Amino acid sequence: MTAANIISEAEILGKKLAEEKVTVSQLRKFLSAVNSISNKLEAQNEFTEDIVNEIQYLRVKLAYQSARKYCLKDFAANLNDKIKSISSKKEYEEFAKYVEAIIAYHKFNGGAN
């Protein structure tokens, strides 16, 4: 995924989430989990099986959050497919940037606190 694709997709999804009144705290919980994995990956500097398992566990977190708030279903479906396809450190780093960009555009478009 190129930087331009990451940004344009994130802008669309972030705006949609803001329009659907998704709160920043709902999104930041997921971002916190993503950042935790990013920190572990940086500290270990290798793409271990434990890291892969934690990345795949993000799908469970998405399922839980989307079950609590229906308007997160599109967000969860979009990210779930991306998580399934992560098979390298580079792909994970692109995914982490994508999540960060979604939240930035959500906030930029007046996302609820």
Protein backbone atom coordinates (compact mmCIF):
# COMPACT_ATOMS: atom_id res chain seq x y z
CA MET A 1 0.00 0.00 0.00
CA THR A 2 1.47 3.35 -0.99
CA ALA A 3 1.46 6.41 1.23
CA ALA A 4 -1.03 8.07 -1.12
CA ASN A 5 -3.40 5.08 -0.81
CA ILE A 6 -3.06 5.02 2.96
CA ILE A 7 -3.91 8.70 3.18
CA SER A 8 -6.83 8.71 0.75
CA GLU A 9 -8.46 5.60 2.26
CA ALA A 10 -7.93 6.90 5.79
CA GLU A 11 -9.42 10.28 4.90
CA ILE A 12 -12.61 8.67 3.58
CA LEU A 13 -13.02 6.30 6.53
CA GLY A 14 -12.11 8.94 9.12
CA LYS A 15 -14.71 11.34 7.72
CA LYS A 16 -17.36 8.61 7.65
CA LEU A 17 -16.66 7.71 11.28
CA ALA A 18 -16.93 11.37 12.29
CA GLU A 19 -20.27 11.67 10.49
CA GLU A 20 -21.50 8.55 12.30
CA LYS A 21 -20.63 10.14 15.66
CA VAL A 22 -18.04 7.55 16.63
CA THR A 23 -16.15 8.87 19.64
CA VAL A 24 -12.42 9.48 19.79
CA SER A 25 -12.12 7.25 22.84
CA GLN A 26 -13.62 4.30 20.96
CA LEU A 27 -11.00 4.66 18.24
CA ARG A 28 -8.12 5.46 20.57
CA LYS A 29 -8.60 2.16 22.43
CA PHE A 30 -7.84 0.34 19.22
CA LEU A 31 -4.96 2.70 18.40
CA SER A 32 -3.51 2.01 21.85
CA ALA A 33 -3.45 -1.72 21.09
CA VAL A 34 -1.81 -1.05 17.72
CA ASN A 35 0.81 1.22 19.33
CA SER A 36 1.56 -1.41 21.96
CA ILE A 37 2.40 -3.92 19.23
CA SER A 38 4.45 -1.30 17.37
CA ASN A 39 6.49 -0.68 20.52
CA LYS A 40 7.15 -4.40 21.00
CA LEU A 41 8.12 -4.77 17.36
CA GLU A 42 10.54 -1.86 17.65
CA ALA A 43 12.08 -3.24 20.86
CA GLN A 44 12.49 -6.77 19.47
CA ASN A 45 13.33 -5.59 15.96
CA GLU A 46 12.04 -8.84 14.50
CA PHE A 47 8.70 -10.16 13.32
CA THR A 48 8.21 -13.06 15.75
CA GLU A 49 5.35 -15.52 16.05
CA ASP A 50 4.26 -13.77 19.27
CA ILE A 51 3.98 -10.48 17.38
CA VAL A 52 2.00 -12.17 14.60
CA ASN A 53 -0.38 -13.61 17.18
CA GLU A 54 -0.87 -10.22 18.82
CA ILE A 55 -1.56 -8.65 15.44
CA GLN A 56 -4.19 -11.28 14.67
CA TYR A 57 -5.72 -10.78 18.14
CA LEU A 58 -6.52 -7.22 17.05
CA ARG A 59 -9.36 -8.79 15.07
CA VAL A 60 -10.96 -9.91 18.34
CA LYS A 61 -10.72 -6.37 19.72
CA LEU A 62 -12.40 -5.05 16.57
CA ALA A 63 -15.18 -7.61 16.82
CA TYR A 64 -15.84 -6.64 20.44
CA GLN A 65 -15.90 -2.91 19.71
CA SER A 66 -18.11 -3.26 16.65
CA ALA A 67 -20.55 -5.40 18.64
CA ARG A 68 -20.81 -2.60 21.21
CA LYS A 69 -21.36 0.15 18.63
CA TYR A 70 -23.00 -0.73 15.32
CA CYS A 71 -21.49 2.16 13.35
CA LEU A 72 -18.02 0.64 13.90
CA LYS A 73 -18.93 -2.36 11.74
CA ASP A 74 -17.52 -0.76 8.54
CA PHE A 75 -14.38 0.26 10.42
CA ALA A 76 -13.99 -3.27 11.78
CA ALA A 77 -14.65 -4.96 8.44
CA ASN A 78 -12.13 -2.74 6.66
CA LEU A 79 -9.41 -3.30 9.23
CA ASN A 80 -10.17 -6.98 9.70
CA ASP A 81 -9.32 -7.69 6.07
CA LYS A 82 -6.11 -5.67 6.33
CA ILE A 83 -5.07 -7.46 9.53
CA LYS A 84 -5.60 -10.88 7.93
CA SER A 85 -3.16 -10.02 5.16
CA ILE A 86 -0.29 -8.77 7.36
CA SER A 87 2.70 -11.06 6.90
CA SER A 88 5.72 -8.82 7.45
CA LYS A 89 7.06 -6.04 9.62
CA LYS A 90 6.71 -3.58 6.72
CA GLU A 91 3.06 -4.49 6.18
CA TYR A 92 2.36 -4.05 9.88
CA GLU A 93 4.05 -0.65 9.92
CA GLU A 94 1.89 0.45 6.97
CA PHE A 95 -1.19 -0.82 8.80
CA ALA A 96 -0.24 1.11 11.94
CA LYS A 97 0.16 4.30 9.88
CA TYR A 98 -3.22 3.65 8.29
CA VAL A 99 -4.94 3.35 11.69
CA GLU A 100 -3.22 6.50 12.90
CA ALA A 101 -4.32 8.36 9.78
CA ILE A 102 -7.95 7.23 10.17
CA ILE A 103 -8.03 8.62 13.69
CA ALA A 104 -6.37 11.86 12.61
CA TYR A 105 -8.95 12.39 9.86
CA HIS A 106 -11.75 11.44 12.23
CA LYS A 107 -10.61 14.16 14.62
CA PHE A 108 -10.02 16.62 11.74
CA ASN A 109 -13.60 16.11 10.58
CA GLY A 110 -15.04 16.90 14.00
CA GLY A 111 -15.13 13.43 15.50
CA ALA A 112 -16.98 13.34 18.80
CA ASN A 113 -15.03 13.29 22.06
